């Protein structure tokens, strides 16, 4: 039987709030769907992992992109609507690169928990979500992407990211994911 981890990528002030350094224009629109997915995951014993970009002050990433999500700042904080709930088992992975697997303990945590399927959500579909999905596949995890729980700058970038992920993973809607993964309680 498959064991999933729902991965919520970079739902942070610098990416979602209108005053953020790298605001994803469509990011706020996916918040209600991600909230629904988190609630579903908690109810169905699916691991939830929040990915938090948390750069050091002079990070190499700033050579190619604006300064953003510096560890310990407002920009790197989770938006208030999507705050990890450790009491429900939520786990936080901090990253400094696009992928949640790059120089983090993501793979170690997943293996320790016996997880074999990574379900990606969040922002930006064509950058951090795609990079995390690719690395999940490289680490031999099955990959699923919830299309209506991801966003990018515009529809073209979003669709491009989904198309790339669809080459090696399954792209489905939140309703489709819930239908297949609901645990029958009885």
N, C-alpha and C. Protein backbone atom coordinates (compact mmCIF):
# COMPACT_ATOMS: atom_id res chain seq x y z
N UNK A 1 0.85 -1.19 0.00
CA UNK A 1 0.00 0.00 0.00
C UNK A 1 0.89 1.25 0.00
N UNK A 2 0.54 2.19 -0.82
CA UNK A 2 1.29 3.45 -0.94
C UNK A 2 1.12 4.31 0.30
N UNK A 3 2.20 5.00 0.65
CA UNK A 3 2.13 5.96 1.76
C UNK A 3 2.56 7.32 1.20
N UNK A 4 1.67 8.29 1.31
CA UNK A 4 1.88 9.60 0.71
C UNK A 4 2.37 10.65 1.70
N UNK A 5 3.05 11.65 1.14
CA UNK A 5 3.35 12.89 1.84
C UNK A 5 2.88 14.03 0.95
N UNK A 6 2.00 14.87 1.47
CA UNK A 6 1.56 16.07 0.75
C UNK A 6 2.57 17.17 1.08
N UNK A 7 3.16 17.73 0.04
CA UNK A 7 4.23 18.70 0.19
C UNK A 7 3.71 20.08 -0.24
N UNK A 8 3.68 21.01 0.71
CA UNK A 8 3.18 22.38 0.48
C UNK A 8 4.42 23.26 0.29
N UNK A 9 4.64 23.72 -0.93
CA UNK A 9 5.88 24.40 -1.28
C UNK A 9 5.74 25.92 -1.29
N UNK A 10 6.52 26.58 -0.43
CA UNK A 10 6.74 28.03 -0.44
C UNK A 10 5.48 28.89 -0.35
N UNK A 11 4.55 28.49 0.46
CA UNK A 11 3.37 29.33 0.68
C UNK A 11 3.74 30.34 1.79
N UNK A 12 4.63 31.26 1.41
CA UNK A 12 5.27 32.21 2.32
C UNK A 12 4.88 33.64 1.96
N UNK A 13 5.08 34.54 2.89
CA UNK A 13 4.75 35.95 2.66
C UNK A 13 5.43 36.51 1.41
N UNK A 14 6.70 36.22 1.19
CA UNK A 14 7.39 36.79 0.03
C UNK A 14 6.87 36.26 -1.31
N UNK A 15 6.10 35.16 -1.29
CA UNK A 15 5.57 34.61 -2.53
C UNK A 15 4.06 34.80 -2.67
N UNK A 16 3.35 34.98 -1.57
CA UNK A 16 1.88 35.05 -1.62
C UNK A 16 1.35 36.44 -1.30
N UNK A 17 1.89 37.11 -0.33
CA UNK A 17 1.41 38.44 0.07
C UNK A 17 1.68 39.46 -1.05
N UNK A 18 0.75 40.38 -1.28
CA UNK A 18 0.95 41.39 -2.34
C UNK A 18 2.23 42.22 -2.18
N UNK A 19 2.71 42.37 -0.94
CA UNK A 19 3.94 43.13 -0.69
C UNK A 19 5.20 42.26 -0.70
N UNK A 20 5.06 40.99 -1.05
CA UNK A 20 6.19 40.08 -1.05
C UNK A 20 7.21 40.41 -2.13
N UNK A 21 8.45 40.02 -1.91
CA UNK A 21 9.55 40.31 -2.85
C UNK A 21 9.39 39.60 -4.18
N UNK A 22 8.80 38.40 -4.19
CA UNK A 22 8.61 37.63 -5.43
C UNK A 22 7.17 37.09 -5.49
N UNK A 23 6.22 37.99 -5.34
CA UNK A 23 4.82 37.58 -5.29
C UNK A 23 4.41 36.82 -6.55
N UNK A 24 3.82 35.67 -6.32
CA UNK A 24 3.25 34.86 -7.40
C UNK A 24 1.82 35.36 -7.59
N UNK A 25 1.54 36.03 -8.71
CA UNK A 25 0.23 36.67 -8.89
C UNK A 25 -0.98 35.76 -8.65
N UNK A 26 -0.86 34.47 -8.92
CA UNK A 26 -2.00 33.56 -8.74
C UNK A 26 -1.90 32.73 -7.47
N UNK A 27 -0.91 33.01 -6.64
CA UNK A 27 -0.68 32.22 -5.44
C UNK A 27 -1.80 32.27 -4.42
N UNK A 28 -2.35 33.45 -4.19
CA UNK A 28 -3.41 33.57 -3.17
C UNK A 28 -4.65 32.78 -3.56
N UNK A 29 -4.88 32.62 -4.85
CA UNK A 29 -6.09 31.92 -5.32
C UNK A 29 -6.10 30.44 -4.94
N UNK A 30 -4.93 29.84 -4.70
CA UNK A 30 -4.90 28.40 -4.39
C UNK A 30 -4.96 28.11 -2.89
N UNK A 31 -4.94 29.14 -2.06
CA UNK A 31 -4.94 28.95 -0.60
C UNK A 31 -6.14 28.11 -0.13
N UNK A 32 -7.39 28.41 -0.55
CA UNK A 32 -8.51 27.59 -0.06
C UNK A 32 -8.39 26.11 -0.46
N UNK A 33 -7.91 25.83 -1.65
CA UNK A 33 -7.75 24.43 -2.07
C UNK A 33 -6.67 23.73 -1.25
N UNK A 34 -5.58 24.43 -0.95
CA UNK A 34 -4.54 23.82 -0.12
C UNK A 34 -5.04 23.61 1.31
N UNK A 35 -5.82 24.54 1.83
CA UNK A 35 -6.42 24.36 3.16
C UNK A 35 -7.29 23.09 3.18
N UNK A 36 -8.07 22.92 2.13
CA UNK A 36 -8.93 21.73 2.01
C UNK A 36 -8.09 20.46 1.94
N UNK A 37 -7.00 20.50 1.19
CA UNK A 37 -6.11 19.35 1.06
C UNK A 37 -5.45 19.01 2.40
N UNK A 38 -5.03 20.02 3.14
CA UNK A 38 -4.40 19.79 4.45
C UNK A 38 -5.41 19.14 5.40
N UNK A 39 -6.61 19.67 5.43
CA UNK A 39 -7.66 19.10 6.29
C UNK A 39 -7.92 17.64 5.91
N UNK A 40 -8.04 17.37 4.61
CA UNK A 40 -8.24 16.02 4.10
C UNK A 40 -7.08 15.12 4.53
N UNK A 41 -5.86 15.62 4.40
CA UNK A 41 -4.67 14.84 4.76
C UNK A 41 -4.67 14.49 6.24
N UNK A 42 -4.96 15.46 7.08
CA UNK A 42 -5.01 15.20 8.52
C UNK A 42 -6.09 14.16 8.86
N UNK A 43 -7.22 14.24 8.21
CA UNK A 43 -8.32 13.30 8.46
C UNK A 43 -8.02 11.90 7.97
N UNK A 44 -7.12 11.78 6.98
CA UNK A 44 -6.84 10.50 6.35
C UNK A 44 -5.42 9.99 6.60
N UNK A 45 -4.81 10.50 7.66
CA UNK A 45 -3.47 10.04 8.07
C UNK A 45 -2.43 10.14 6.96
N UNK A 46 -2.47 11.22 6.20
CA UNK A 46 -1.48 11.50 5.17
C UNK A 46 -0.53 12.56 5.73
N UNK A 47 0.76 12.28 5.66
CA UNK A 47 1.78 13.19 6.16
C UNK A 47 1.73 14.52 5.41
N UNK A 48 1.82 15.63 6.12
CA UNK A 48 1.89 16.96 5.51
C UNK A 48 3.27 17.54 5.80
N UNK A 49 3.92 18.00 4.73
CA UNK A 49 5.24 18.62 4.85
C UNK A 49 5.15 20.03 4.29
N UNK A 50 5.52 21.01 5.10
CA UNK A 50 5.59 22.39 4.66
C UNK A 50 7.03 22.70 4.28
N UNK A 51 7.21 23.21 3.07
CA UNK A 51 8.55 23.58 2.61
C UNK A 51 8.68 25.09 2.73
N UNK A 52 9.74 25.52 3.39
CA UNK A 52 9.96 26.93 3.69
C UNK A 52 11.30 27.37 3.11
N UNK A 53 11.24 28.23 2.11
CA UNK A 53 12.48 28.81 1.60
C UNK A 53 13.03 29.72 2.69
N UNK A 54 14.30 29.52 3.05
CA UNK A 54 14.90 30.26 4.15
C UNK A 54 16.38 30.51 3.82
N UNK A 55 16.63 31.58 3.10
CA UNK A 55 17.97 31.89 2.62
C UNK A 55 18.84 32.53 3.69
N UNK A 56 20.15 32.41 3.52
CA UNK A 56 21.07 33.17 4.35
C UNK A 56 21.18 34.57 3.75
N UNK A 57 21.73 35.49 4.47
CA UNK A 57 21.76 36.90 4.08
C UNK A 57 22.33 37.15 2.68
N UNK A 58 23.46 36.55 2.36
CA UNK A 58 24.11 36.78 1.06
C UNK A 58 24.08 35.53 0.20
N UNK A 59 22.95 34.88 0.14
CA UNK A 59 22.80 33.62 -0.58
C UNK A 59 23.15 33.76 -2.06
N UNK A 60 23.76 32.73 -2.62
CA UNK A 60 24.11 32.73 -4.05
C UNK A 60 22.89 32.88 -4.94
N UNK A 61 21.73 32.48 -4.45
CA UNK A 61 20.49 32.59 -5.22
C UNK A 61 20.21 34.05 -5.61
N UNK A 62 20.71 34.99 -4.81
CA UNK A 62 20.44 36.40 -5.06
C UNK A 62 21.28 36.97 -6.20
N UNK A 63 22.16 36.17 -6.76
CA UNK A 63 22.91 36.60 -7.95
C UNK A 63 22.03 36.58 -9.19
N UNK A 64 20.97 35.77 -9.14
CA UNK A 64 20.09 35.63 -10.30
C UNK A 64 18.65 36.05 -10.04
N UNK A 65 18.28 36.19 -8.77
CA UNK A 65 16.92 36.61 -8.43
C UNK A 65 16.98 37.66 -7.33
N UNK A 66 15.92 38.44 -7.18
CA UNK A 66 15.91 39.45 -6.12
C UNK A 66 16.04 38.82 -4.74
N UNK A 67 16.50 39.60 -3.78
CA UNK A 67 16.59 39.15 -2.40
C UNK A 67 15.18 38.81 -1.92
N UNK A 68 15.04 37.63 -1.32
CA UNK A 68 13.72 37.18 -0.86
C UNK A 68 13.89 36.09 0.20
N UNK A 69 12.87 35.89 1.00
CA UNK A 69 12.76 34.79 1.95
C UNK A 69 14.03 34.55 2.76
N UNK A 70 14.54 35.61 3.37
CA UNK A 70 15.71 35.46 4.23
C UNK A 70 15.25 34.85 5.56
N UNK A 71 15.95 33.82 5.98
CA UNK A 71 15.59 33.08 7.20
C UNK A 71 15.38 34.04 8.37
N UNK A 72 14.26 33.85 9.06
CA UNK A 72 13.96 34.66 10.24
C UNK A 72 13.25 35.96 9.95
N UNK A 73 12.95 36.25 8.68
CA UNK A 73 12.26 37.49 8.34
C UNK A 73 10.79 37.22 8.01
N UNK A 74 10.02 38.29 7.94
CA UNK A 74 8.60 38.20 7.57
C UNK A 74 8.45 37.50 6.22
N UNK A 75 9.31 37.79 5.28
CA UNK A 75 9.21 37.21 3.94
C UNK A 75 9.33 35.70 3.92
N UNK A 76 10.07 35.13 4.86
CA UNK A 76 10.26 33.68 4.92
C UNK A 76 9.20 32.99 5.78
N UNK A 77 8.36 33.78 6.45
CA UNK A 77 7.30 33.20 7.29
C UNK A 77 6.17 32.64 6.44
N UNK A 78 5.55 31.56 6.94
CA UNK A 78 4.36 31.01 6.30
C UNK A 78 3.22 32.02 6.38
N UNK A 79 2.38 32.05 5.36
CA UNK A 79 1.21 32.92 5.42
C UNK A 79 0.31 32.43 6.55
N UNK A 80 -0.42 33.35 7.16
CA UNK A 80 -1.22 32.98 8.34
C UNK A 80 -2.28 31.93 8.02
N UNK A 81 -2.78 31.90 6.79
CA UNK A 81 -3.83 30.93 6.41
C UNK A 81 -3.28 29.51 6.29
N UNK A 82 -1.96 29.38 6.14
CA UNK A 82 -1.36 28.06 5.97
C UNK A 82 -0.15 27.92 6.90
N UNK A 83 -0.45 27.72 8.16
CA UNK A 83 0.60 27.58 9.16
C UNK A 83 0.72 26.11 9.55
N UNK A 84 1.93 25.58 9.57
CA UNK A 84 2.11 24.17 9.99
C UNK A 84 1.51 23.92 11.37
N UNK A 85 1.00 22.71 11.53
CA UNK A 85 0.40 22.29 12.80
C UNK A 85 1.18 21.08 13.33
N UNK A 86 2.26 21.32 14.05
CA UNK A 86 3.09 20.21 14.55
C UNK A 86 2.29 19.22 15.41
N UNK A 87 1.28 19.71 16.12
CA UNK A 87 0.46 18.82 16.94
C UNK A 87 -0.31 17.81 16.11
N UNK A 88 -0.44 18.07 14.80
CA UNK A 88 -1.10 17.12 13.89
C UNK A 88 -0.07 16.37 13.05
N UNK A 89 1.20 16.52 13.39
CA UNK A 89 2.25 15.77 12.70
C UNK A 89 2.89 16.48 11.53
N UNK A 90 2.52 17.73 11.26
CA UNK A 90 3.11 18.46 10.14
C UNK A 90 4.62 18.62 10.36
N UNK A 91 5.36 18.53 9.28
CA UNK A 91 6.82 18.62 9.33
C UNK A 91 7.25 19.79 8.46
N UNK A 92 8.33 20.46 8.84
CA UNK A 92 8.84 21.60 8.08
C UNK A 92 10.22 21.25 7.52
N UNK A 93 10.39 21.50 6.22
CA UNK A 93 11.69 21.36 5.57
C UNK A 93 12.10 22.75 5.09
N UNK A 94 13.25 23.22 5.56
CA UNK A 94 13.76 24.50 5.08
C UNK A 94 14.71 24.26 3.92
N UNK A 95 14.62 25.13 2.92
CA UNK A 95 15.47 24.97 1.74
C UNK A 95 16.05 26.31 1.32
N UNK A 96 17.14 26.23 0.54
CA UNK A 96 17.76 27.43 -0.02
C UNK A 96 17.84 27.37 -1.54
N UNK A 97 17.41 26.31 -2.12
CA UNK A 97 17.42 26.15 -3.57
C UNK A 97 16.00 25.82 -4.03
N UNK A 98 15.80 25.69 -5.34
CA UNK A 98 14.45 25.46 -5.87
C UNK A 98 13.82 24.18 -5.33
N UNK A 99 14.58 23.11 -5.29
CA UNK A 99 14.03 21.82 -4.88
C UNK A 99 14.07 21.63 -3.37
N UNK A 100 13.02 21.04 -2.84
CA UNK A 100 12.97 20.72 -1.41
C UNK A 100 13.91 19.57 -1.06
N UNK A 101 14.49 18.92 -2.06
CA UNK A 101 15.44 17.83 -1.83
C UNK A 101 16.89 18.32 -1.82
N UNK A 102 17.14 19.48 -2.35
CA UNK A 102 18.51 19.97 -2.54
C UNK A 102 19.12 20.46 -1.22
N UNK A 103 20.03 19.65 -0.68
CA UNK A 103 20.76 19.99 0.56
C UNK A 103 19.85 20.14 1.78
N UNK A 104 18.81 19.33 1.84
CA UNK A 104 17.89 19.33 2.98
C UNK A 104 17.78 17.91 3.54
N UNK A 105 16.94 17.74 4.56
CA UNK A 105 16.72 16.39 5.09
C UNK A 105 15.43 15.77 4.56
N UNK A 106 14.92 16.28 3.45
CA UNK A 106 13.66 15.79 2.87
C UNK A 106 13.71 14.28 2.61
N UNK A 107 14.71 13.82 1.89
CA UNK A 107 14.79 12.40 1.55
C UNK A 107 14.91 11.54 2.81
N UNK A 108 15.74 11.95 3.76
CA UNK A 108 15.90 11.21 5.00
C UNK A 108 14.58 11.10 5.75
N UNK A 109 13.86 12.22 5.86
CA UNK A 109 12.58 12.20 6.56
C UNK A 109 11.59 11.25 5.88
N UNK A 110 11.47 11.35 4.55
CA UNK A 110 10.53 10.50 3.82
C UNK A 110 10.86 9.02 4.02
N UNK A 111 12.13 8.68 3.93
CA UNK A 111 12.54 7.27 4.10
C UNK A 111 12.28 6.80 5.53
N UNK A 112 12.57 7.63 6.52
CA UNK A 112 12.32 7.25 7.91
C UNK A 112 10.83 7.00 8.17
N UNK A 113 9.98 7.73 7.46
CA UNK A 113 8.54 7.59 7.64
C UNK A 113 7.92 6.54 6.72
N UNK A 114 8.72 5.91 5.86
CA UNK A 114 8.22 4.87 4.97
C UNK A 114 7.35 5.40 3.84
N UNK A 115 7.56 6.64 3.49
CA UNK A 115 6.76 7.28 2.44
C UNK A 115 7.34 6.94 1.07
N UNK A 116 6.47 6.58 0.13
CA UNK A 116 6.92 6.24 -1.21
C UNK A 116 6.34 7.13 -2.30
N UNK A 117 5.42 8.03 -1.93
CA UNK A 117 4.76 8.89 -2.91
C UNK A 117 4.78 10.33 -2.42
N UNK A 118 5.29 11.22 -3.27
CA UNK A 118 5.37 12.64 -2.97
C UNK A 118 4.30 13.36 -3.78
N UNK A 119 3.44 14.10 -3.07
CA UNK A 119 2.34 14.84 -3.69
C UNK A 119 2.68 16.32 -3.60
N UNK A 120 3.01 16.94 -4.74
CA UNK A 120 3.48 18.33 -4.73
C UNK A 120 2.35 19.33 -4.95
N UNK A 121 2.48 20.46 -4.23
CA UNK A 121 1.56 21.59 -4.33
C UNK A 121 2.36 22.86 -4.06
N UNK A 122 1.76 24.03 -4.31
CA UNK A 122 2.38 25.30 -3.93
C UNK A 122 2.77 26.16 -5.10
N UNK A 123 3.76 27.02 -4.88
CA UNK A 123 4.22 27.97 -5.89
C UNK A 123 5.72 27.78 -6.12
N UNK A 124 6.20 28.20 -7.11
CA UNK A 124 5.81 28.40 -8.49
C UNK A 124 5.76 27.04 -9.20
N UNK A 125 4.70 26.73 -9.92
CA UNK A 125 4.54 25.43 -10.58
C UNK A 125 5.73 25.09 -11.46
N UNK A 126 6.17 26.07 -12.23
CA UNK A 126 7.23 25.83 -13.23
C UNK A 126 8.64 25.93 -12.67
N UNK A 127 8.79 26.25 -11.39
CA UNK A 127 10.13 26.39 -10.81
C UNK A 127 10.27 25.44 -9.61
N UNK A 128 9.87 25.88 -8.43
CA UNK A 128 10.09 25.09 -7.21
C UNK A 128 9.25 23.82 -7.16
N UNK A 129 8.01 23.88 -7.62
CA UNK A 129 7.16 22.68 -7.62
C UNK A 129 7.74 21.66 -8.59
N UNK A 130 8.06 22.09 -9.80
CA UNK A 130 8.63 21.18 -10.81
C UNK A 130 9.98 20.63 -10.35
N UNK A 131 10.83 21.48 -9.78
CA UNK A 131 12.15 21.03 -9.32
C UNK A 131 12.02 19.98 -8.21
N UNK A 132 11.13 20.21 -7.28
CA UNK A 132 10.90 19.24 -6.20
C UNK A 132 10.34 17.94 -6.76
N UNK A 133 9.40 18.04 -7.70
CA UNK A 133 8.83 16.83 -8.32
C UNK A 133 9.91 16.04 -9.06
N UNK A 134 10.74 16.73 -9.81
CA UNK A 134 11.83 16.06 -10.55
C UNK A 134 12.76 15.34 -9.58
N UNK A 135 13.18 16.02 -8.54
CA UNK A 135 14.09 15.40 -7.57
C UNK A 135 13.42 14.25 -6.83
N UNK A 136 12.13 14.33 -6.58
CA UNK A 136 11.42 13.21 -5.96
C UNK A 136 11.54 11.97 -6.86
N UNK A 137 11.34 12.16 -8.14
CA UNK A 137 11.46 11.05 -9.08
C UNK A 137 12.89 10.53 -9.11
N UNK A 138 13.88 11.43 -9.12
CA UNK A 138 15.28 11.00 -9.12
C UNK A 138 15.63 10.19 -7.88
N UNK A 139 14.94 10.48 -6.76
CA UNK A 139 15.14 9.74 -5.51
C UNK A 139 14.23 8.51 -5.43
N UNK A 140 13.60 8.16 -6.53
CA UNK A 140 12.75 6.96 -6.72
C UNK A 140 11.40 7.00 -6.01
N UNK A 141 10.89 8.19 -5.74
CA UNK A 141 9.54 8.30 -5.21
C UNK A 141 8.55 8.38 -6.37
N UNK A 142 7.33 7.88 -6.15
CA UNK A 142 6.25 8.15 -7.09
C UNK A 142 5.87 9.61 -6.90
N UNK A 143 5.45 10.26 -7.99
CA UNK A 143 5.14 11.69 -7.95
C UNK A 143 3.71 11.93 -8.39
N UNK A 144 3.02 12.74 -7.59
CA UNK A 144 1.69 13.23 -7.95
C UNK A 144 1.72 14.74 -7.78
N UNK A 145 0.96 15.42 -8.61
CA UNK A 145 0.85 16.87 -8.53
C UNK A 145 -0.62 17.25 -8.56
N UNK A 146 -1.04 18.05 -7.60
CA UNK A 146 -2.43 18.51 -7.54
C UNK A 146 -2.50 19.84 -8.30
N UNK A 147 -3.04 19.80 -9.50
CA UNK A 147 -3.00 20.94 -10.42
C UNK A 147 -3.66 22.20 -9.87
N UNK A 148 -4.78 22.05 -9.17
CA UNK A 148 -5.48 23.23 -8.65
C UNK A 148 -4.98 23.65 -7.26
N UNK A 149 -3.89 23.03 -6.81
CA UNK A 149 -3.21 23.44 -5.59
C UNK A 149 -1.82 23.98 -5.91
N UNK A 150 -1.61 24.35 -7.16
CA UNK A 150 -0.34 24.93 -7.62
C UNK A 150 -0.65 26.21 -8.39
N UNK A 151 0.32 27.12 -8.43
CA UNK A 151 0.14 28.37 -9.17
C UNK A 151 1.49 28.88 -9.65
N UNK A 152 1.40 29.71 -10.67
CA UNK A 152 2.59 30.36 -11.21
C UNK A 152 2.21 31.78 -11.61
N UNK A 153 3.14 32.46 -12.25
CA UNK A 153 2.91 33.86 -12.63
C UNK A 153 1.70 34.00 -13.55
N UNK A 154 1.59 33.10 -14.50
CA UNK A 154 0.47 33.13 -15.43
C UNK A 154 0.10 31.70 -15.83
N UNK A 155 -0.99 31.55 -16.54
CA UNK A 155 -1.50 30.23 -16.91
C UNK A 155 -0.51 29.47 -17.79
N UNK A 156 0.18 30.16 -18.67
CA UNK A 156 1.15 29.51 -19.55
C UNK A 156 2.28 28.86 -18.75
N UNK A 157 2.83 29.59 -17.78
CA UNK A 157 3.89 29.03 -16.94
C UNK A 157 3.36 27.85 -16.10
N UNK A 158 2.16 28.00 -15.56
CA UNK A 158 1.53 26.96 -14.76
C UNK A 158 1.36 25.69 -15.59
N UNK A 159 0.78 25.82 -16.76
CA UNK A 159 0.53 24.66 -17.63
C UNK A 159 1.85 24.03 -18.07
N UNK A 160 2.85 24.85 -18.35
CA UNK A 160 4.16 24.34 -18.74
C UNK A 160 4.76 23.48 -17.62
N UNK A 161 4.67 23.96 -16.39
CA UNK A 161 5.16 23.18 -15.25
C UNK A 161 4.40 21.87 -15.10
N UNK A 162 3.07 21.92 -15.21
CA UNK A 162 2.26 20.71 -15.10
C UNK A 162 2.60 19.72 -16.21
N UNK A 163 2.81 20.24 -17.42
CA UNK A 163 3.16 19.38 -18.56
C UNK A 163 4.48 18.66 -18.28
N UNK A 164 5.47 19.38 -17.76
CA UNK A 164 6.76 18.76 -17.43
C UNK A 164 6.59 17.68 -16.36
N UNK A 165 5.87 17.99 -15.30
CA UNK A 165 5.66 17.02 -14.23
C UNK A 165 4.91 15.80 -14.75
N UNK A 166 3.97 16.02 -15.67
CA UNK A 166 3.18 14.93 -16.23
C UNK A 166 3.99 13.92 -17.03
N UNK A 167 5.21 14.26 -17.39
CA UNK A 167 6.07 13.33 -18.12
C UNK A 167 6.48 12.16 -17.22
N UNK A 168 6.68 12.44 -15.92
CA UNK A 168 7.17 11.40 -15.02
C UNK A 168 6.28 11.19 -13.80
N UNK A 169 5.23 11.98 -13.68
CA UNK A 169 4.32 11.85 -12.54
C UNK A 169 2.88 11.96 -12.98
N UNK A 170 1.99 11.84 -12.03
CA UNK A 170 0.56 11.93 -12.31
C UNK A 170 0.06 13.31 -11.90
N UNK A 171 -0.60 13.99 -12.82
CA UNK A 171 -1.20 15.30 -12.55
C UNK A 171 -2.70 15.09 -12.41
N UNK A 172 -3.26 15.52 -11.26
CA UNK A 172 -4.69 15.36 -11.04
C UNK A 172 -5.22 16.54 -10.23
N UNK A 173 -6.52 16.67 -10.21
CA UNK A 173 -7.15 17.76 -9.45
C UNK A 173 -7.30 17.33 -7.99
N UNK A 174 -7.61 18.29 -7.15
CA UNK A 174 -7.84 18.00 -5.74
C UNK A 174 -9.00 17.02 -5.59
N UNK A 175 -10.09 17.23 -6.32
CA UNK A 175 -11.26 16.33 -6.23
C UNK A 175 -10.87 14.91 -6.62
N UNK A 176 -10.06 14.77 -7.67
CA UNK A 176 -9.62 13.43 -8.09
C UNK A 176 -8.74 12.79 -7.03
N UNK A 177 -7.84 13.56 -6.46
CA UNK A 177 -6.94 13.03 -5.42
C UNK A 177 -7.75 12.56 -4.21
N UNK A 178 -8.69 13.38 -3.77
CA UNK A 178 -9.49 13.03 -2.60
C UNK A 178 -10.33 11.78 -2.86
N UNK A 179 -10.89 11.67 -4.04
CA UNK A 179 -11.73 10.52 -4.38
C UNK A 179 -10.95 9.20 -4.27
N UNK A 180 -9.73 9.21 -4.72
CA UNK A 180 -8.91 8.00 -4.75
C UNK A 180 -8.27 7.71 -3.39
N UNK A 181 -8.04 8.72 -2.56
CA UNK A 181 -7.24 8.53 -1.35
C UNK A 181 -7.98 8.66 -0.04
N UNK A 182 -9.29 8.80 -0.08
CA UNK A 182 -10.07 8.86 1.15
C UNK A 182 -10.05 7.50 1.84
N UNK A 183 -9.77 7.49 3.12
CA UNK A 183 -9.80 6.26 3.90
C UNK A 183 -11.23 6.02 4.34
N UNK A 184 -11.72 4.81 4.09
CA UNK A 184 -13.07 4.47 4.52
C UNK A 184 -13.02 4.22 6.02
N UNK A 185 -13.77 5.03 6.75
CA UNK A 185 -13.81 4.90 8.22
C UNK A 185 -14.99 4.01 8.58
N UNK A 186 -14.80 3.16 9.52
CA UNK A 186 -15.94 2.33 9.86
C UNK A 186 -15.72 1.58 11.06
